[in-house]
Amino acid sequence: SSSACGSAGPEARVVGYAPTFSALAGW
C-alpha cells in the first residue's frame, strides 16, 4: 500500500500528488 506519507504517523492522512511528494521529501 503506497501513500503520500505512509499509513501511520501524524501526517498519515495527508493527500498528495507527485509535486506534493517531491516538496514534502525535500527535493
PDB file of all heavy atoms in Angstrom:
ATOM      1  N   SER A   1       0.848  -1.180   0.000  1.00  0.00           N
ATOM      2  CA  SER A   1       0.000   0.000   0.000  1.00  0.00           C
ATOM      3  C   SER A   1       0.888   1.237   0.000  1.00  0.00           C
ATOM      4  O   SER A   1       1.654   1.460   0.929  1.00  0.00           O
ATOM      5  CB  SER A   1      -0.907   0.006   1.230  1.00  0.00           C
ATOM      6  OG  SER A   1      -1.812   1.090   1.181  1.00  0.00           O
ATOM      7  N   SER A   2       0.797   2.010  -1.055  1.00  0.00           N
ATOM      8  CA  SER A   2       1.619   3.209  -1.208  1.00  0.00           C
ATOM      9  C   SER A   2       0.755   4.441  -0.992  1.00  0.00           C
ATOM     10  O   SER A   2      -0.347   4.542  -1.526  1.00  0.00           O
ATOM     11  CB  SER A   2       2.242   3.235  -2.608  1.00  0.00           C
ATOM     12  OG  SER A   2       2.872   4.467  -2.864  1.00  0.00           O
ATOM     13  N   SER A   3       1.250   5.365  -0.197  1.00  0.00           N
ATOM     14  CA  SER A   3       0.513   6.605   0.055  1.00  0.00           C
ATOM     15  C   SER A   3       1.502   7.750   0.214  1.00  0.00           C
ATOM     16  O   SER A   3       2.722   7.539   0.225  1.00  0.00           O
ATOM     17  CB  SER A   3      -0.366   6.481   1.302  1.00  0.00           C
ATOM     18  OG  SER A   3       0.418   6.146   2.439  1.00  0.00           O
ATOM     19  N   ALA A   4       1.008   8.949   0.358  1.00  0.00           N
ATOM     20  CA  ALA A   4       1.880  10.118   0.395  1.00  0.00           C
ATOM     21  C   ALA A   4       2.891  10.050   1.526  1.00  0.00           C
ATOM     22  O   ALA A   4       4.092  10.254   1.324  1.00  0.00           O
ATOM     23  CB  ALA A   4       1.045  11.386   0.523  1.00  0.00           C
ATOM     24  N   CYS A   5       2.411   9.742   2.748  1.00  0.00           N
ATOM     25  CA  CYS A   5       3.292   9.771   3.921  1.00  0.00           C
ATOM     26  C   CYS A   5       3.256   8.484   4.721  1.00  0.00           C
ATOM     27  O   CYS A   5       3.712   8.456   5.871  1.00  0.00           O
ATOM     28  CB  CYS A   5       2.918  10.946   4.818  1.00  0.00           C
ATOM     29  SG  CYS A   5       3.146  12.557   4.056  1.00  0.00           S
ATOM     30  N   GLY A   6       2.717   7.401   4.147  1.00  0.00           N
ATOM     31  CA  GLY A   6       2.655   6.146   4.871  1.00  0.00           C
ATOM     32  C   GLY A   6       1.362   6.012   5.647  1.00  0.00           C
ATOM     33  O   GLY A   6       0.585   6.958   5.780  1.00  0.00           O
ATOM     34  N   SER A   7       1.126   4.809   6.180  1.00  0.00           N
ATOM     35  CA  SER A   7      -0.164   4.520   6.816  1.00  0.00           C
ATOM     36  C   SER A   7      -0.201   4.859   8.290  1.00  0.00           C
ATOM     37  O   SER A   7      -1.240   4.712   8.935  1.00  0.00           O
ATOM     38  CB  SER A   7      -0.500   3.031   6.631  1.00  0.00           C
ATOM     39  OG  SER A   7       0.439   2.219   7.309  1.00  0.00           O
ATOM     40  N   ALA A   8       0.920   5.287   8.879  1.00  0.00           N
ATOM     41  CA  ALA A   8       0.940   5.638  10.293  1.00  0.00           C
ATOM     42  C   ALA A   8       1.763   6.899  10.481  1.00  0.00           C
ATOM     43  O   ALA A   8       2.653   7.205   9.694  1.00  0.00           O
ATOM     44  CB  ALA A   8       1.526   4.488  11.124  1.00  0.00           C
ATOM     45  N   GLY A   9       1.455   7.631  11.543  1.00  0.00           N
ATOM     46  CA  GLY A   9       2.191   8.855  11.829  1.00  0.00           C
ATOM     47  C   GLY A   9       1.291  10.072  11.809  1.00  0.00           C
ATOM     48  O   GLY A   9       0.141  10.014  11.337  1.00  0.00           O
ATOM     49  N   PRO A  10       1.800  11.214  12.303  1.00  0.00           N
ATOM     50  CA  PRO A  10       0.974  12.433  12.396  1.00  0.00           C
ATOM     51  C   PRO A  10       0.412  12.914  11.068  1.00  0.00           C
ATOM     52  O   PRO A  10      -0.632  13.563  11.037  1.00  0.00           O
ATOM     53  CB  PRO A  10       1.949  13.469  12.976  1.00  0.00           C
ATOM     54  CG  PRO A  10       3.022  12.678  13.639  1.00  0.00           C
ATOM     55  CD  PRO A  10       3.153  11.418  12.856  1.00  0.00           C
ATOM     56  N   GLU A  11       1.094  12.611   9.953  1.00  0.00           N
ATOM     57  CA  GLU A  11       0.643  13.093   8.648  1.00  0.00           C
ATOM     58  C   GLU A  11       0.159  11.960   7.740  1.00  0.00           C
ATOM     59  O   GLU A  11       0.146  12.094   6.522  1.00  0.00           O
ATOM     60  CB  GLU A  11       1.771  13.877   7.975  1.00  0.00           C
ATOM     61  CG  GLU A  11       2.180  15.127   8.751  1.00  0.00           C
ATOM     62  CD  GLU A  11       3.338  15.874   8.104  1.00  0.00           C
ATOM     63  OE1 GLU A  11       3.848  15.403   7.082  1.00  0.00           O
ATOM     64  OE2 GLU A  11       3.733  16.918   8.651  1.00  0.00           O
ATOM     65  N   ALA A  12      -0.262  10.867   8.352  1.00  0.00           N
ATOM     66  CA  ALA A  12      -0.672   9.705   7.561  1.00  0.00           C
ATOM     67  C   ALA A  12      -1.871  10.008   6.671  1.00  0.00           C
ATOM     68  O   ALA A  12      -2.026   9.401   5.611  1.00  0.00           O
ATOM     69  CB  ALA A  12      -0.992   8.530   8.484  1.00  0.00           C
ATOM     70  N   ARG A  13      -2.731  10.931   7.083  1.00  0.00           N
ATOM     71  CA  ARG A  13      -3.943  11.217   6.314  1.00  0.00           C
ATOM     72  C   ARG A  13      -3.729  12.282   5.247  1.00  0.00           C
ATOM     73  O   ARG A  13      -4.658  12.676   4.551  1.00  0.00           O
ATOM     74  CB  ARG A  13      -5.059  11.672   7.259  1.00  0.00           C
ATOM     75  CG  ARG A  13      -5.429  10.624   8.301  1.00  0.00           C
ATOM     76  CD  ARG A  13      -6.038   9.392   7.664  1.00  0.00           C
ATOM     77  NE  ARG A  13      -6.295   8.336   8.644  1.00  0.00           N
ATOM     78  CZ  ARG A  13      -6.846   7.161   8.354  1.00  0.00           C
ATOM     79  NH1 ARG A  13      -7.205   6.910   7.105  1.00  0.00           N
ATOM     80  NH2 ARG A  13      -7.016   6.249   9.285  1.00  0.00           N
ATOM     81  N   VAL A  14      -2.504  12.765   5.107  1.00  0.00           N
ATOM     82  CA  VAL A  14      -2.221  13.771   4.084  1.00  0.00           C
ATOM     83  C   VAL A  14      -2.454  13.187   2.693  1.00  0.00           C
ATOM     84  O   VAL A  14      -2.018  12.068   2.400  1.00  0.00           O
ATOM     85  CB  VAL A  14      -0.770  14.280   4.216  1.00  0.00           C
ATOM     86  CG1 VAL A  14      -0.372  15.082   2.991  1.00  0.00           C
ATOM     87  CG2 VAL A  14      -0.633  15.133   5.472  1.00  0.00           C
ATOM     88  N   VAL A  15      -3.148  13.916   1.851  1.00  0.00           N
ATOM     89  CA  VAL A  15      -3.382  13.506   0.463  1.00  0.00           C
ATOM     90  C   VAL A  15      -2.370  14.224  -0.412  1.00  0.00           C
ATOM     91  O   VAL A  15      -2.108  15.416  -0.226  1.00  0.00           O
ATOM     92  CB  VAL A  15      -4.814  13.846   0.025  1.00  0.00           C
ATOM     93  CG1 VAL A  15      -5.027  13.471  -1.438  1.00  0.00           C
ATOM     94  CG2 VAL A  15      -5.818  13.118   0.909  1.00  0.00           C
ATOM     95  N   GLY A  16      -1.789  13.516  -1.372  1.00  0.00           N
ATOM     96  CA  GLY A  16      -0.768  14.165  -2.185  1.00  0.00           C
ATOM     97  C   GLY A  16      -0.691  13.627  -3.596  1.00  0.00           C
ATOM     98  O   GLY A  16      -1.156  12.525  -3.886  1.00  0.00           O
ATOM     99  N   TYR A  17      -0.096  14.437  -4.454  1.00  0.00           N
ATOM    100  CA  TYR A  17       0.243  14.050  -5.817  1.00  0.00           C
ATOM    101  C   TYR A  17       1.741  14.256  -6.002  1.00  0.00           C
ATOM    102  O   TYR A  17       2.442  14.711  -5.090  1.00  0.00           O
ATOM    103  CB  TYR A  17      -0.548  14.881  -6.827  1.00  0.00           C
ATOM    104  CG  TYR A  17      -2.034  14.625  -6.793  1.00  0.00           C
ATOM    105  CD1 TYR A  17      -2.887  15.446  -6.064  1.00  0.00           C
ATOM    106  CD2 TYR A  17      -2.578  13.554  -7.487  1.00  0.00           C
ATOM    107  CE1 TYR A  17      -4.256  15.210  -6.038  1.00  0.00           C
ATOM    108  CE2 TYR A  17      -3.944  13.304  -7.475  1.00  0.00           C
ATOM    109  CZ  TYR A  17      -4.777  14.135  -6.736  1.00  0.00           C
ATOM    110  OH  TYR A  17      -6.127  13.888  -6.709  1.00  0.00           O
ATOM    111  N   ALA A  18       2.253  13.966  -7.183  1.00  0.00           N
ATOM    112  CA  ALA A  18       3.700  13.986  -7.411  1.00  0.00           C
ATOM    113  C   ALA A  18       4.380  15.279  -6.951  1.00  0.00           C
ATOM    114  O   ALA A  18       5.399  15.221  -6.258  1.00  0.00           O
ATOM    115  CB  ALA A  18       3.999  13.721  -8.891  1.00  0.00           C
ATOM    116  N   PRO A  19       3.863  16.468  -7.305  1.00  0.00           N
ATOM    117  CA  PRO A  19       4.552  17.687  -6.839  1.00  0.00           C
ATOM    118  C   PRO A  19       4.582  17.795  -5.321  1.00  0.00           C
ATOM    119  O   PRO A  19       5.536  18.317  -4.737  1.00  0.00           O
ATOM    120  CB  PRO A  19       3.722  18.815  -7.465  1.00  0.00           C
ATOM    121  CG  PRO A  19       3.025  18.180  -8.629  1.00  0.00           C
ATOM    122  CD  PRO A  19       2.728  16.781  -8.188  1.00  0.00           C
ATOM    123  N   THR A  20       3.504  17.292  -4.669  1.00  0.00           N
ATOM    124  CA  THR A  20       3.473  17.314  -3.213  1.00  0.00           C
ATOM    125  C   THR A  20       4.523  16.390  -2.631  1.00  0.00           C
ATOM    126  O   THR A  20       5.197  16.722  -1.654  1.00  0.00           O
ATOM    127  CB  THR A  20       2.084  16.867  -2.708  1.00  0.00           C
ATOM    128  OG1 THR A  20       1.091  17.283  -3.617  1.00  0.00           O
ATOM    129  CG2 THR A  20       1.799  17.426  -1.335  1.00  0.00           C
ATOM    130  N   PHE A  21       4.644  15.196  -3.227  1.00  0.00           N
ATOM    131  CA  PHE A  21       5.638  14.228  -2.746  1.00  0.00           C
ATOM    132  C   PHE A  21       7.031  14.855  -2.756  1.00  0.00           C
ATOM    133  O   PHE A  21       7.774  14.773  -1.779  1.00  0.00           O
ATOM    134  CB  PHE A  21       5.671  12.982  -3.630  1.00  0.00           C
ATOM    135  CG  PHE A  21       4.383  12.207  -3.701  1.00  0.00           C
ATOM    136  CD1 PHE A  21       4.161  11.316  -4.735  1.00  0.00           C
ATOM    137  CD2 PHE A  21       3.401  12.361  -2.733  1.00  0.00           C
ATOM    138  CE1 PHE A  21       2.982  10.593  -4.812  1.00  0.00           C
ATOM    139  CE2 PHE A  21       2.209  11.644  -2.802  1.00  0.00           C
ATOM    140  CZ  PHE A  21       2.003  10.759  -3.846  1.00  0.00           C
ATOM    141  N   SER A  22       7.381  15.471  -3.892  1.00  0.00           N
ATOM    142  CA  SER A  22       8.741  15.984  -4.019  1.00  0.00           C
ATOM    143  C   SER A  22       8.982  17.153  -3.078  1.00  0.00           C
ATOM    144  O   SER A  22      10.076  17.324  -2.534  1.00  0.00           O
ATOM    145  CB  SER A  22       9.023  16.405  -5.460  1.00  0.00           C
ATOM    146  OG  SER A  22       8.115  17.400  -5.886  1.00  0.00           O
ATOM    147  N   ALA A  23       7.949  17.978  -2.859  1.00  0.00           N
ATOM    148  CA  ALA A  23       8.109  19.093  -1.935  1.00  0.00           C
ATOM    149  C   ALA A  23       8.283  18.585  -0.504  1.00  0.00           C
ATOM    150  O   ALA A  23       9.198  19.004   0.211  1.00  0.00           O
ATOM    151  CB  ALA A  23       6.898  20.018  -2.029  1.00  0.00           C
ATOM    152  N   LEU A  24       7.415  17.677  -0.088  1.00  0.00           N
ATOM    153  CA  LEU A  24       7.499  17.120   1.265  1.00  0.00           C
ATOM    154  C   LEU A  24       8.811  16.372   1.487  1.00  0.00           C
ATOM    155  O   LEU A  24       9.356  16.361   2.589  1.00  0.00           O
ATOM    156  CB  LEU A  24       6.326  16.170   1.511  1.00  0.00           C
ATOM    157  CG  LEU A  24       4.992  16.794   1.914  1.00  0.00           C
ATOM    158  CD1 LEU A  24       3.902  15.730   1.951  1.00  0.00           C
ATOM    159  CD2 LEU A  24       5.097  17.481   3.263  1.00  0.00           C
ATOM    160  N   ALA A  25       9.318  15.738   0.438  1.00  0.00           N
ATOM    161  CA  ALA A  25      10.536  14.938   0.560  1.00  0.00           C
ATOM    162  C   ALA A  25      11.789  15.784   0.661  1.00  0.00           C
ATOM    163  O   ALA A  25      12.866  15.278   0.973  1.00  0.00           O
ATOM    164  CB  ALA A  25      10.654  13.984  -0.632  1.00  0.00           C
ATOM    165  N   GLY A  26      11.683  17.086   0.363  1.00  0.00           N
ATOM    166  CA  GLY A  26      12.850  17.953   0.427  1.00  0.00           C
ATOM    167  C   GLY A  26      13.499  18.212  -0.908  1.00  0.00           C
ATOM    168  O   GLY A  26      14.466  18.972  -1.001  1.00  0.00           O
ATOM    169  N   TRP A  27      12.965  17.592  -1.959  1.00  0.00           N
ATOM    170  CA  TRP A  27      13.541  17.783  -3.289  1.00  0.00           C
ATOM    171  C   TRP A  27      13.309  19.191  -3.818  1.00  0.00           C
ATOM    172  O   TRP A  27      14.201  19.808  -4.403  1.00  0.00           O
ATOM    173  CB  TRP A  27      12.913  16.784  -4.270  1.00  0.00           C
ATOM    174  CG  TRP A  27      13.518  15.428  -4.251  1.00  0.00           C
ATOM    175  CD1 TRP A  27      14.142  14.819  -3.197  1.00  0.00           C
ATOM    176  CD2 TRP A  27      13.539  14.506  -5.326  1.00  0.00           C
ATOM    177  NE1 TRP A  27      14.536  13.563  -3.547  1.00  0.00           N
ATOM    178  CE2 TRP A  27      14.181  13.339  -4.850  1.00  0.00           C
ATOM    179  CE3 TRP A  27      13.072  14.539  -6.625  1.00  0.00           C
ATOM    180  CZ2 TRP A  27      14.372  12.226  -5.655  1.00  0.00           C
ATOM    181  CZ3 TRP A  27      13.254  13.424  -7.429  1.00  0.00           C
ATOM    182  CH2 TRP A  27      13.908  12.287  -6.940  1.00  0.00           C
TER     183      TRP A  27
END
